[in-house]
Protein backbone atom coordinates (compact mmCIF):
# COMPACT_ATOMS: atom_id res chain seq x y z
CA MET A 1 19.73 10.26 -18.88
CA LEU A 2 16.80 7.81 -18.82
CA GLU A 3 18.79 5.32 -20.93
CA GLN A 4 21.68 5.60 -18.47
CA MET A 5 19.35 4.93 -15.52
CA MET A 6 17.82 1.91 -17.26
CA GLY A 7 21.28 0.60 -18.01
CA MET A 8 22.25 0.92 -14.36
CA MET A 9 19.12 -1.01 -13.32
CA ASN A 10 19.81 -3.80 -15.77
CA SER A 11 23.47 -4.10 -14.75
CA PHE A 12 22.65 -4.44 -11.05
CA ASP A 13 23.63 -7.93 -9.85
CA LEU A 14 20.47 -9.04 -8.09
CA ALA A 15 21.59 -12.64 -7.65
CA SER A 16 24.59 -11.63 -5.55
CA TYR A 17 22.20 -10.49 -2.80
CA MET A 18 19.54 -13.21 -2.96
CA ASP A 19 21.17 -16.09 -1.13
CA LEU A 20 18.00 -17.60 0.41
CA VAL A 21 15.56 -17.55 -2.52
CA ASN A 22 15.92 -16.31 -6.10
CA LEU A 23 12.87 -17.49 -8.06
CA HIS A 24 12.30 -15.73 -11.40
CA SER A 25 9.57 -16.49 -13.91
CA LYS A 26 11.58 -14.71 -16.63
CA ASP A 27 14.10 -17.57 -16.38
CA ALA A 28 12.23 -20.43 -18.06
CA SER A 29 15.04 -22.83 -17.20
CA GLN A 30 13.95 -22.70 -13.54
CA PHE A 31 10.70 -24.55 -14.33
CA THR A 32 10.02 -28.24 -14.65
CA LEU A 33 6.67 -28.63 -16.40
CA VAL A 34 4.11 -31.39 -16.73
CA SER A 35 1.44 -30.42 -19.29
CA SER A 36 1.98 -26.68 -18.64
CA LYS A 37 1.78 -27.23 -14.90
CA ILE A 38 4.75 -26.56 -12.64
CA SER A 39 6.08 -29.57 -10.80
CA SER A 40 9.24 -27.73 -9.71
CA TRP A 41 10.49 -24.15 -9.55
CA ASN A 42 14.21 -24.43 -8.91
CA ASP A 43 16.45 -21.41 -8.35
CA ALA A 44 19.62 -23.49 -7.81
CA ILE A 45 19.40 -22.68 -4.09
CA SER A 46 16.52 -25.02 -3.43
CA ALA A 47 13.61 -26.50 -5.30
CA TRP A 48 9.97 -25.61 -4.67
CA VAL A 49 8.02 -28.67 -5.74
CA GLN A 50 4.57 -30.19 -6.05
CA ALA A 51 4.04 -33.90 -6.70
CA THR A 52 0.23 -33.75 -6.89
CA ASP A 53 -0.96 -32.71 -10.33
CA THR A 54 -4.18 -31.05 -9.14
CA ALA A 55 -2.20 -28.86 -6.73
CA ARG A 56 0.31 -27.63 -9.31
CA PRO A 57 0.15 -24.01 -10.51
CA THR A 58 -0.22 -23.42 -14.24
CA LEU A 59 2.41 -21.59 -16.26
CA THR A 60 0.36 -19.08 -18.24
CA SER A 61 2.12 -16.64 -20.60
CA GLY A 62 5.29 -17.31 -18.68
CA VAL A 63 3.79 -16.59 -15.24
CA PRO A 64 2.92 -19.15 -12.53
CA ILE A 65 -0.79 -18.78 -11.83
CA PHE A 66 -2.21 -20.18 -8.57
CA ASP A 67 -5.92 -20.98 -8.50
CA GLY A 68 -6.52 -20.96 -4.75
CA ASN A 69 -5.65 -24.61 -4.18
CA ASP A 70 -2.20 -24.77 -5.76
CA GLN A 71 1.00 -24.72 -3.79
CA LEU A 72 4.72 -25.11 -4.24
CA VAL A 73 6.53 -26.45 -1.19
CA ARG A 74 10.11 -25.93 -0.17
CA SER A 75 11.54 -28.91 1.72
CA ALA A 76 13.31 -26.80 4.37
CA GLU A 77 11.82 -23.81 6.16
CA ILE A 78 13.58 -20.46 6.26
CA SER A 79 14.14 -19.04 9.72
CA ALA A 80 15.69 -15.58 9.83
CA THR A 81 15.52 -12.62 12.20
CA SER A 82 17.17 -10.47 9.52
CA PHE A 83 16.08 -10.63 5.90
CA SER A 84 15.00 -8.66 2.85
CA LEU A 85 12.12 -10.23 0.92
CA TYR A 86 10.74 -9.22 -2.49
CA LEU A 87 7.59 -10.65 -4.06
CA VAL A 88 6.42 -9.61 -7.54
CA PHE A 89 2.80 -10.70 -7.53
CA LYS A 90 -0.81 -9.99 -8.29
CA ASP A 91 -3.29 -10.94 -5.57
CA THR A 92 -6.69 -11.49 -7.17
CA GLY A 93 -8.17 -13.40 -4.25
CA ALA A 94 -10.48 -12.10 -1.56
CA VAL A 95 -9.26 -10.17 1.45
CA GLY A 96 -8.33 -12.50 4.27
CA LYS A 97 -6.19 -14.85 2.20
CA ILE A 98 -2.69 -16.10 2.93
CA PHE A 99 -0.26 -15.83 0.05
CA LEU A 100 3.03 -16.93 1.62
CA GLY A 101 3.20 -19.40 4.48
CA ALA A 102 5.28 -21.91 6.39
CA GLN A 103 5.19 -25.66 6.80
CA SER A 104 3.70 -25.17 10.25
CA ALA A 105 0.71 -23.24 8.77
CA SER A 106 1.02 -20.69 11.58
CA ASP A 107 3.72 -18.34 10.27
CA TYR A 108 2.62 -16.44 7.18
CA PHE A 109 2.06 -13.25 5.25
CA MET A 110 -1.58 -12.49 4.67
CA HIS A 111 -3.65 -10.09 2.56
CA THR A 112 -6.09 -9.13 5.24
CA SER A 113 -8.63 -6.58 6.34
CA PRO A 114 -8.00 -5.91 10.03
CA SER A 115 -10.48 -4.34 12.42
CA ASN A 116 -9.83 -0.81 11.12
CA SER A 117 -11.01 -1.94 7.67
CA TYR A 118 -7.92 -1.20 5.57
CA ASP A 119 -6.79 -3.64 2.90
CA ALA A 120 -3.55 -4.66 4.55
CA ILE A 121 -0.53 -6.94 4.70
CA SER A 122 -0.17 -8.85 7.96
CA ILE A 123 2.82 -10.87 9.16
CA ASN A 124 1.82 -13.57 11.60
CA VAL A 125 3.92 -15.78 13.87
CA GLY A 126 2.26 -18.67 15.64
CA GLY A 127 -0.98 -17.56 14.01
CA VAL A 128 -0.83 -14.22 15.88
CA PRO A 129 -0.55 -10.91 13.96
CA LYS A 130 2.80 -9.32 14.78
CA GLN A 131 2.88 -6.52 12.23
CA VAL A 132 0.12 -5.05 10.07
CA TRP A 133 0.64 -2.52 7.29
CA ARG A 134 -1.94 -0.48 5.39
CA ALA A 135 -1.23 -1.75 1.90
CA GLY A 136 -4.12 -1.22 -0.51
CA LEU A 137 -4.19 -4.38 -2.63
CA THR A 138 -6.89 -5.18 -5.18
CA GLY A 139 -5.04 -7.28 -7.75
CA ASN A 140 -5.56 -4.87 -10.62
CA ARG A 141 -1.85 -5.05 -11.47
CA TYR A 142 1.41 -6.76 -10.55
CA SER A 143 3.30 -5.02 -7.78
CA ILE A 144 6.48 -5.49 -5.78
CA LEU A 145 6.00 -6.17 -2.09
CA SER A 146 9.23 -5.68 -0.17
CA ILE A 147 9.59 -6.45 3.52
CA ARG A 148 12.86 -5.99 5.39
CA ARG A 149 13.45 -7.20 8.92
CA ASN A 150 16.33 -6.29 11.23
CA GLY A 151 15.68 -7.72 14.70
CA ASN A 152 12.28 -6.35 15.70
CA THR A 153 12.27 -3.58 13.10
CA LEU A 154 10.34 -4.21 9.90
CA THR A 155 9.84 -1.96 6.89
CA ALA A 156 7.38 -2.71 4.09
CA LYS A 157 6.80 -1.17 0.68
CA ILE A 158 4.49 -1.65 -2.28
CA ASN A 159 6.66 -0.62 -5.24
CA ASP A 160 8.15 2.69 -4.00
CA ARG A 161 5.48 3.49 -1.41
CA THR A 162 6.41 2.95 2.24
CA LEU A 163 3.52 1.37 4.12
CA ILE A 164 2.28 2.66 7.47
CA SER A 165 2.20 0.11 10.27
CA THR A 166 -1.01 -0.03 12.32
CA SER A 167 0.29 -2.52 14.86
CA SER A 168 3.73 -3.71 15.89
CA THR A 169 4.15 -6.37 18.57
CA PHE A 170 7.03 -8.26 16.99
CA ALA A 171 9.51 -9.58 19.54
CA GLY A 172 12.19 -12.10 18.86
CA GLN A 173 10.50 -14.74 16.76
CA ALA A 174 12.01 -15.93 13.53
CA THR A 175 9.77 -15.56 10.50
CA LEU A 176 9.33 -18.89 8.73
CA ILE A 177 8.57 -18.73 5.02
CA SER A 178 8.62 -21.96 3.09
CA ARG A 179 5.43 -22.48 1.16
CA LEU A 180 4.43 -20.40 -1.83
CA MET A 181 0.82 -19.27 -2.27
CA SER A 182 -0.62 -21.76 0.16
CA TYR A 183 -2.00 -22.42 3.60
CA THR A 184 -3.09 -25.85 4.77
CA GLY A 185 -5.40 -26.36 7.70
CA ALA A 186 -7.96 -23.55 7.74
CA GLY A 187 -8.73 -23.39 4.04
CA PHE A 188 -7.24 -19.96 3.34
CA PHE A 189 -5.73 -19.64 -0.12
CA MET A 190 -4.81 -16.79 -2.38
CA THR A 191 -5.42 -16.72 -6.11
CA GLY A 192 -3.15 -14.82 -8.44
CA GLY A 193 0.19 -14.81 -10.16
CA VAL A 194 3.79 -14.72 -8.97
CA ARG A 195 6.52 -13.41 -11.25
CA ALA A 196 9.37 -13.51 -8.74
CA LEU A 197 10.24 -14.25 -5.13
CA CYS A 198 13.66 -13.16 -3.86
CA VAL A 199 14.97 -13.32 -0.29
CA SER A 200 18.29 -12.15 1.09
CA SER A 201 19.69 -13.06 4.51
CA GLN A 202 20.78 -9.43 4.84
CA TYR A 203 18.81 -6.40 5.95
CA LEU A 204 19.61 -4.36 2.85
CA SER A 205 20.27 -0.64 3.18
CA ASP A 206 17.73 1.83 1.83
CA ILE A 207 19.99 2.43 -1.16
CA ASP A 208 20.44 -1.26 -1.99
CA ASN A 209 16.76 -1.92 -1.32
CA GLN A 210 15.81 0.67 -3.92
CA LYS A 211 18.26 -0.88 -6.39
CA VAL A 212 16.52 -4.24 -5.95
CA ILE A 213 13.10 -2.67 -6.46
CA ASN A 214 14.31 -0.80 -9.55
CA LYS A 215 15.82 -3.96 -11.01
CA LEU A 216 12.64 -6.00 -10.50
CA TYR A 217 10.49 -3.16 -11.80
CA SER A 218 12.61 -3.02 -14.95
CA ASP A 219 13.03 -6.78 -15.46
CA TYR A 220 9.29 -7.40 -15.29
CA ASN A 221 8.28 -4.26 -17.19
CA LEU A 222 5.89 -3.17 -14.46
CA ALA A 223 5.61 0.30 -16.02
CA ALA A 224 3.39 -1.31 -18.66
CA ASP A 225 1.14 -2.80 -15.97
CA ASN A 226 -0.38 0.53 -15.02
CA ALA A 227 -3.97 -0.02 -13.91
CA ALA A 228 -4.99 1.91 -10.79
CA GLU A 229 -4.58 -0.38 -7.78
CA CYS A 230 -5.70 1.77 -4.84
CA VAL A 231 -6.95 5.11 -3.61
CA ILE A 232 -4.50 6.62 -1.13
CA GLY A 233 -5.96 8.87 1.55
CA PHE A 234 -3.48 11.40 2.93
CA GLY A 235 -4.53 13.23 6.07
CA ASP A 236 -5.13 13.15 9.81
CA SER A 237 -7.60 11.41 12.15
CA ASN A 238 -10.61 12.04 9.92
CA THR A 239 -8.81 10.12 7.17
CA VAL A 240 -7.91 7.38 9.65
CA GLY A 241 -11.58 7.25 10.58
CA THR A 242 -11.64 8.09 14.30
CA GLY A 243 -15.05 7.06 15.63
CA SER A 244 -16.19 5.94 12.18
CA ILE A 245 -15.03 3.95 9.16
CA SER A 246 -12.83 5.98 6.84
CA TYR A 247 -14.41 7.30 3.65
CA LEU A 248 -11.66 5.42 1.78
CA VAL A 249 -13.38 2.06 2.22
CA SER A 250 -16.54 2.97 0.30
CA LEU A 251 -14.61 5.20 -2.11
CA GLY A 252 -12.36 2.28 -3.01
CA VAL A 253 -15.40 0.13 -3.74
CA SER A 254 -16.90 2.87 -5.92
CA LEU A 255 -13.65 3.31 -7.87
CA GLY A 256 -12.99 -0.43 -8.13
CA VAL A 257 -9.69 -0.21 -6.27
CA ALA A 258 -8.38 -0.94 -2.78
CA ASP A 259 -8.26 1.57 0.06
CA ALA A 260 -4.75 2.59 1.17
CA ASN A 261 -4.99 4.73 4.27
CA ALA A 262 -2.01 7.05 4.77
CA GLY A 263 -3.68 9.08 7.50
CA ILE A 264 -2.00 9.63 10.86
CA SER A 265 -4.09 10.82 13.78
CA GLY A 266 -2.93 14.08 15.31
CA SER A 267 -0.65 14.94 12.42
CA TYR A 268 -0.23 18.33 10.78
CA LEU A 269 0.33 19.03 7.12
CA THR A 270 2.90 21.71 7.90
CA THR A 271 4.80 21.12 11.14
CA PHE A 272 8.06 19.40 10.22
CA ASN A 273 8.25 16.19 12.22
CA SER A 274 8.20 12.56 11.10
CA ASN A 275 4.38 12.37 11.09
CA SER A 276 3.64 15.66 9.34
CA GLY A 277 2.44 15.61 5.76
CA ILE A 278 5.24 17.78 4.43
CA ALA A 279 7.81 15.41 5.95
CA ARG A 280 6.37 12.12 4.70
CA TYR A 281 4.50 12.74 1.45
CA LYS A 282 7.31 11.45 -0.77
CA ASP A 283 7.57 8.14 1.13
CA HIS A 284 3.83 7.56 1.44
CA LEU A 285 2.50 8.93 -1.87
CA PHE A 286 5.15 8.75 -4.60
CA THR A 287 5.04 5.36 -6.31
CA ARG A 288 5.35 3.97 -9.79
CA PRO A 289 3.46 3.55 -12.09
CA TYR A 290 1.89 6.80 -10.78
CA THR A 291 -1.64 5.74 -11.69
CA ASP A 292 -3.30 5.37 -8.28
CA TYR A 293 -5.88 7.82 -6.94
CA ILE A 294 -4.82 10.25 -4.21
CA VAL A 295 -7.13 12.19 -1.88
CA ILE A 296 -5.67 14.89 0.38
CA GLN A 297 -7.81 16.17 3.25
CA TYR A 298 -5.53 17.83 5.75
CA GLY A 299 -5.47 20.87 8.03
CA THR A 300 -7.69 20.35 11.08
CA ASN A 301 -4.73 20.08 13.46
CA ASP A 302 -2.94 22.93 11.70
CA ILE A 303 -5.96 25.16 12.31
CA LEU A 304 -6.29 24.07 15.94
CA ASN A 305 -2.64 24.99 16.49
CA SER A 306 -2.83 28.37 14.72
CA VAL A 307 -0.72 27.56 11.65
CA SER A 308 -1.31 30.42 9.22
CA ALA A 309 -3.31 29.72 6.09
CA SER A 310 -0.47 31.01 3.93
CA THR A 311 2.03 28.59 5.49
CA PHE A 312 -0.40 25.72 5.07
CA GLY A 313 -1.12 26.73 1.49
CA ALA A 314 2.56 26.92 0.55
CA ASP A 315 3.22 23.38 1.81
CA LEU A 316 0.08 22.01 0.16
CA ASN A 317 1.17 23.51 -3.16
CA THR A 318 4.61 21.95 -2.76
CA ILE A 319 3.09 18.50 -2.20
CA VAL A 320 0.68 18.70 -5.14
CA ALA A 321 3.28 20.16 -7.51
CA ASP A 322 5.75 17.40 -6.61
CA LEU A 323 3.14 14.67 -7.07
CA ILE A 324 2.45 15.90 -10.59
CA ALA A 325 6.14 16.43 -11.35
CA VAL A 326 7.04 12.80 -10.62
CA GLY A 327 4.19 11.51 -12.78
CA HIS A 328 0.90 11.42 -10.85
CA SER A 329 -2.04 12.67 -12.92
CA PRO A 330 -3.88 15.75 -11.61
CA ASN A 331 -7.10 14.08 -12.78
CA LYS A 332 -6.57 11.36 -10.15
CA ILE A 333 -5.79 13.78 -7.30
CA CYS A 334 -8.62 15.29 -5.26
CA LEU A 335 -8.22 17.99 -2.61
CA GLY A 336 -10.94 18.35 0.00
CA SER A 337 -11.69 21.36 2.15
CA ASN A 338 -11.55 20.87 5.91
CA PRO A 339 -14.48 19.57 7.96
CA TYR A 340 -16.73 21.91 9.89
CA GLN A 341 -16.02 22.20 13.63
CA ARG A 342 -18.66 22.08 16.37
CA SER A 343 -20.75 25.22 16.96
CA GLY A 344 -19.05 26.93 14.01
CA ALA A 345 -15.67 27.15 15.75
CA ASN A 346 -12.72 28.55 13.78
CA ALA A 347 -15.02 29.57 10.93
CA ALA A 348 -12.71 32.30 9.61
CA ALA A 349 -9.68 30.00 9.65
CA LEU A 350 -11.65 27.26 7.90
CA ASP A 351 -12.64 29.74 5.19
CA ASN A 352 -9.04 30.90 4.76
CA TYR A 353 -7.80 27.31 4.52
CA ARG A 354 -10.58 26.51 2.05
CA THR A 355 -9.36 29.33 -0.17
CA GLN A 356 -5.82 27.93 -0.10
CA ILE A 357 -7.05 24.40 -0.91
CA SER A 358 -9.33 25.56 -3.72
CA ASN A 359 -6.58 27.73 -5.19
CA ALA A 360 -4.13 24.82 -5.12
CA ALA A 361 -6.63 22.65 -6.99
CA THR A 362 -7.14 25.37 -9.61
CA THR A 363 -3.42 26.09 -9.96
CA HIS A 364 -2.48 22.46 -10.53
CA GLY A 365 -5.60 21.29 -12.32
CA THR A 366 -6.62 18.69 -9.72
CA LYS A 367 -10.10 17.76 -8.61
CA TYR A 368 -11.69 19.51 -5.64
CA TYR A 369 -14.55 18.83 -3.25
CA ASP A 370 -15.88 21.49 -0.87
CA PHE A 371 -16.60 19.30 2.14
CA LEU A 372 -16.77 22.27 4.51
CA GLN A 373 -19.72 23.73 2.61
CA TYR A 374 -21.47 20.36 2.52
CA MET A 375 -21.25 20.10 6.30
CA ARG A 376 -22.45 23.66 6.83
CA ASP A 377 -25.41 23.05 4.53
CA ASN A 378 -26.37 19.67 5.97
CA GLY A 379 -26.55 19.94 9.71
CA GLY A 380 -23.07 20.94 10.89
CA ASP A 381 -22.98 19.61 14.46
CA SER A 382 -25.12 16.58 13.55
CA LEU A 383 -22.33 15.37 11.25
CA LEU A 384 -19.81 15.12 14.10
CA ASN A 385 -19.34 12.23 16.50
CA THR A 386 -21.33 12.65 19.72
CA GLY A 387 -19.43 14.80 22.22
CA ASP A 388 -16.66 15.43 19.67
CA ASN A 389 -15.73 18.82 18.23
CA VAL A 390 -13.81 17.81 15.10
CA HIS A 391 -14.23 14.12 14.20
CA ILE A 392 -16.84 13.38 11.57
CA ASN A 393 -19.40 10.60 11.96
CA GLN A 394 -20.29 7.87 9.50
CA THR A 395 -22.88 9.98 7.69
CA ALA A 396 -20.24 12.61 7.00
CA GLN A 397 -17.63 10.02 5.99
CA ASN A 398 -20.09 8.60 3.49
CA ALA A 399 -20.88 12.07 2.16
CA PHE A 400 -17.18 12.86 1.74
CA SER A 401 -16.73 9.59 -0.13
CA ALA A 402 -19.61 10.42 -2.47
CA GLY A 403 -18.40 13.96 -3.05
CA VAL A 404 -14.84 12.90 -3.84
CA TYR A 405 -16.08 10.12 -6.12
CA ALA A 406 -18.19 12.59 -8.06
CA ALA A 407 -15.20 14.94 -8.36
CA LEU A 408 -12.78 12.22 -9.50
CA THR A 409 -15.17 10.86 -12.11
CA SER A 410 -16.39 14.18 -13.47
């Protein structure tokens, strides 16, 4: 069956879709080289060129490597209100760097850290952020970034993982993309490698989009490039970091990966709507090569709305079992018990939920951190934001980060 699937991936006609850009490092005939530096990357649609030797990227082991000052320039900008874009790249530069820009230097994709502190992808028009997604990029491995636009609707993925948008003010502007790995004017540059850049003038369907991702994943053997890239936090407002900075930021630093926040304020684990954990875990957590860290800390809203512990536990077990079944390692999954609530509210429910969470960790062999007990033992109310009954403050976020780190590295 696996051989049949691989055969289907390899037979997929990628070029028939990519009518705007179809750059592939695996096709050596696309390169014109001067002393191992790329003077032109030509996909037979248009050439991306660089006349200045010091600004040319180096072809290293078959991959164009950009050093922070290199750029390849396309003579004509691309202006499209509908497109499907795919970039196979490794961003090893600092957060806040532009990796795909326009001739105008004001329309670009950027690896950024917005005000809520998540490593993110931002699309900017006229220098103004129009869409920001929580991405989780460190540059530990090559990944596929896909962004599809249909009018004012944009969808972004890293490999198979659908990214959550934290802001969306896009309205009408065309997105101009014409300059690879460069930004002139303000001195922002990205360092890293690009294996492929493909752009279609169509908004591809979910099915065709997945075929493109599968084909690129296979063609560039990304399964072999399996270093952990991020730690994904799955939860509600305490994962988002309401009134404090999410534990994911410091945890990512400790683990040497990026923080990828998949928390949604006000969401339940169990109630079946588009924001609930049980409805979205496949889109937001499942992703090849299945080597990223995952932390699940969910249940506060379920408790507040009287969802039974047994119902919560059944859905949590489904999520964890499915994560492991698709390929995620239980050693890189950590389940955390729910935070304490002011004045000891809902103590019995918190204990019942803790039992379900602990049992799920034992059943599936994941890591576990008893955050509820930490808060009870270390001041309870003093670990909540002032005047807030359920949202943890920075001291508690830091403690959760430390506890999860200890669990994941034990």
